């Protein structure tokens, strides 16, 4: 008798399974669409939290996890209203909201114009948001460096 992956001459046990075993097997093999969505949602939230904790450890240490997840869900709903439906585009929107504030989409005219453009595809909107965020923070970090006191040397 041989055993292993792809071996076909292994004897099989074909006796009927007890009802309880069949029921357990069935429940383990079937995940409802609601369960599947929830698993994906939990994974998405966990990955966003991990990104924030990795890139902003001081701010992350002060965060209330439940409040953060609530904010993620509100921002995800807003992202979807702007036509951002793929995970990467939604994550870009949610992260940008975390960096710039929850109302960044209406407070910053250039961003409102990008997000409101019905002809622009979701990946292009996400790319524009990412580029805008980089530009803002580069500009701010450059301004901070220029405003630093200079030595009299």
Protein backbone atom coordinates (compact mmCIF):
# COMPACT_ATOMS: atom_id res chain seq x y z
CA UNK A 1 0.00 0.00 0.00
CA UNK A 2 1.38 3.42 -1.04
CA UNK A 3 0.38 6.70 0.54
CA UNK A 4 0.91 10.31 -0.41
CA UNK A 5 -0.38 13.07 -2.61
CA UNK A 6 -1.52 11.80 -5.98
CA UNK A 7 -1.42 8.12 -5.03
CA UNK A 8 -4.61 6.44 -6.15
CA UNK A 9 -4.31 2.91 -4.82
CA UNK A 10 -4.80 3.84 -1.14
CA UNK A 11 -7.83 2.03 0.26
CA UNK A 12 -10.65 4.38 1.21
CA UNK A 13 -13.11 4.06 4.05
CA UNK A 14 -16.52 4.30 2.39
CA UNK A 15 -18.77 3.45 5.31
CA UNK A 16 -21.54 5.96 5.98
CA UNK A 17 -20.55 8.71 8.41
CA UNK A 18 -22.60 9.26 11.52
CA UNK A 19 -25.09 12.14 11.17
CA UNK A 20 -23.26 14.36 13.64
CA UNK A 21 -19.95 13.97 11.79
CA UNK A 22 -21.66 14.81 8.47
CA UNK A 23 -23.29 17.88 10.01
CA UNK A 24 -19.98 19.11 11.41
CA UNK A 25 -18.26 18.51 8.08
CA UNK A 26 -20.99 20.41 6.23
CA UNK A 27 -20.83 23.39 8.59
CA UNK A 28 -17.04 23.50 8.32
CA UNK A 29 -17.14 23.46 4.54
CA UNK A 30 -19.79 26.15 4.06
CA UNK A 31 -19.14 29.78 4.88
CA UNK A 32 -22.02 32.15 4.37
CA UNK A 33 -21.48 35.26 2.27
CA UNK A 34 -22.01 37.29 5.46
CA UNK A 35 -19.25 35.33 7.24
CA UNK A 36 -16.98 35.69 4.23
CA UNK A 37 -17.56 39.46 4.08
CA UNK A 38 -16.91 39.78 7.81
CA UNK A 39 -13.64 37.83 7.53
CA UNK A 40 -12.53 40.08 4.69
CA UNK A 41 -13.58 43.21 6.58
CA UNK A 42 -11.70 42.12 9.71
CA UNK A 43 -8.60 41.37 7.64
CA UNK A 44 -8.81 44.75 5.85
CA UNK A 45 -9.16 46.60 9.18
CA UNK A 46 -6.27 44.66 10.73
CA UNK A 47 -3.99 45.41 7.78
CA UNK A 48 -4.82 49.15 7.93
CA UNK A 49 -4.17 49.23 11.67
CA UNK A 50 -0.84 47.45 11.10
CA UNK A 51 0.18 50.03 8.48
CA UNK A 52 -0.66 52.90 10.83
CA UNK A 53 1.12 51.26 13.77
CA UNK A 54 4.21 50.59 11.64
CA UNK A 55 4.38 54.07 10.08
CA UNK A 56 3.11 56.16 13.00
CA UNK A 57 4.02 54.31 16.22
CA UNK A 58 3.67 57.31 18.57
CA UNK A 59 0.20 58.24 17.34
CA UNK A 60 -0.83 54.58 17.21
CA UNK A 61 0.09 54.10 20.86
CA UNK A 62 -2.54 56.71 21.77
CA UNK A 63 -5.32 55.19 19.64
CA UNK A 64 -8.49 53.58 20.87
CA UNK A 65 -8.88 50.53 18.60
CA UNK A 66 -12.70 50.58 18.60
CA UNK A 67 -12.85 54.26 17.65
CA UNK A 68 -10.29 53.73 14.93
CA UNK A 69 -12.25 50.86 13.38
CA UNK A 70 -15.43 52.95 13.53
CA UNK A 71 -13.64 55.75 11.67
CA UNK A 72 -12.33 53.24 9.10
CA UNK A 73 -15.87 52.03 8.43
CA UNK A 74 -17.21 55.59 8.03
CA UNK A 75 -14.39 56.44 5.64
CA UNK A 76 -14.84 53.20 3.71
CA UNK A 77 -18.49 54.12 3.13
CA UNK A 78 -17.44 57.57 1.89
CA UNK A 79 -14.80 56.05 -0.40
CA UNK A 80 -17.41 53.79 -1.97
CA UNK A 81 -19.68 56.79 -2.63
CA UNK A 82 -16.81 58.29 -4.64
CA UNK A 83 -16.60 55.11 -6.72
CA UNK A 84 -13.57 53.67 -4.94
CA UNK A 85 -14.55 50.03 -4.72
CA UNK A 86 -11.35 48.01 -5.00
CA UNK A 87 -9.45 47.32 -1.79
CA UNK A 88 -6.34 49.32 -2.70
CA UNK A 89 -8.34 52.44 -3.63
CA UNK A 90 -10.45 52.22 -0.47
CA UNK A 91 -7.33 51.73 1.67
CA UNK A 92 -5.67 54.75 0.06
CA UNK A 93 -8.75 56.87 0.78
CA UNK A 94 -9.05 55.67 4.40
CA UNK A 95 -5.34 56.20 5.08
CA UNK A 96 -5.46 59.68 3.52
CA UNK A 97 -8.43 60.51 5.75
CA UNK A 98 -6.46 59.32 8.75
CA UNK A 99 -3.50 61.52 7.80
CA UNK A 100 -5.43 64.65 6.79
CA UNK A 101 -8.60 64.47 8.83
CA UNK A 102 -11.99 62.89 8.30
CA UNK A 103 -13.41 65.77 6.24
CA UNK A 104 -10.40 66.14 3.93
CA UNK A 105 -12.58 65.18 0.97
CA UNK A 106 -14.74 68.32 1.29
CA UNK A 107 -12.28 70.65 3.01
CA UNK A 108 -9.59 70.54 0.28
CA UNK A 109 -10.97 71.77 -3.08
CA UNK A 110 -8.40 69.92 -5.22
CA UNK A 111 -9.25 66.64 -3.51
CA UNK A 112 -12.99 67.27 -3.84
CA UNK A 113 -12.48 67.85 -7.56
CA UNK A 114 -10.53 64.59 -7.99
CA UNK A 115 -12.99 62.50 -6.00
CA UNK A 116 -16.04 64.04 -7.68
CA UNK A 117 -14.78 63.36 -11.21
CA UNK A 118 -17.21 60.74 -12.59
CA UNK A 119 -14.94 59.98 -15.57
CA UNK A 120 -11.86 59.16 -13.48
CA UNK A 121 -11.33 55.49 -12.67
CA UNK A 122 -10.90 54.35 -9.07
CA UNK A 123 -7.20 53.42 -9.40
CA UNK A 124 -6.49 56.85 -10.93
CA UNK A 125 -8.31 58.59 -8.08
CA UNK A 126 -6.35 56.55 -5.54
CA UNK A 127 -3.07 57.37 -7.29
CA UNK A 128 -3.99 61.07 -7.33
CA UNK A 129 -4.82 60.95 -3.59
CA UNK A 130 -1.51 59.26 -2.83
CA UNK A 131 0.42 61.78 -4.91
CA UNK A 132 -1.44 64.67 -3.28
CA UNK A 133 -0.65 63.36 0.22
CA UNK A 134 3.03 62.94 -0.64
CA UNK A 135 3.18 66.46 -2.06
CA UNK A 136 1.51 67.97 1.01
CA UNK A 137 3.78 66.19 3.48
CA UNK A 138 6.93 66.84 1.43
CA UNK A 139 6.00 70.51 1.26
CA UNK A 140 5.29 70.62 4.99
CA UNK A 141 8.54 68.87 5.88
CA UNK A 142 10.48 71.21 3.57
CA UNK A 143 8.79 74.26 5.09
CA UNK A 144 9.59 72.98 8.58
CA UNK A 145 13.24 72.52 7.61
CA UNK A 146 13.35 76.03 6.12
CA UNK A 147 11.78 77.53 9.24
CA UNK A 148 14.28 75.87 11.57
CA UNK A 149 16.64 78.24 13.37
CA UNK A 150 19.98 78.55 11.64
CA UNK A 151 23.28 78.69 13.41
CA UNK A 152 25.26 81.90 13.33
CA UNK A 153 28.40 80.09 12.13
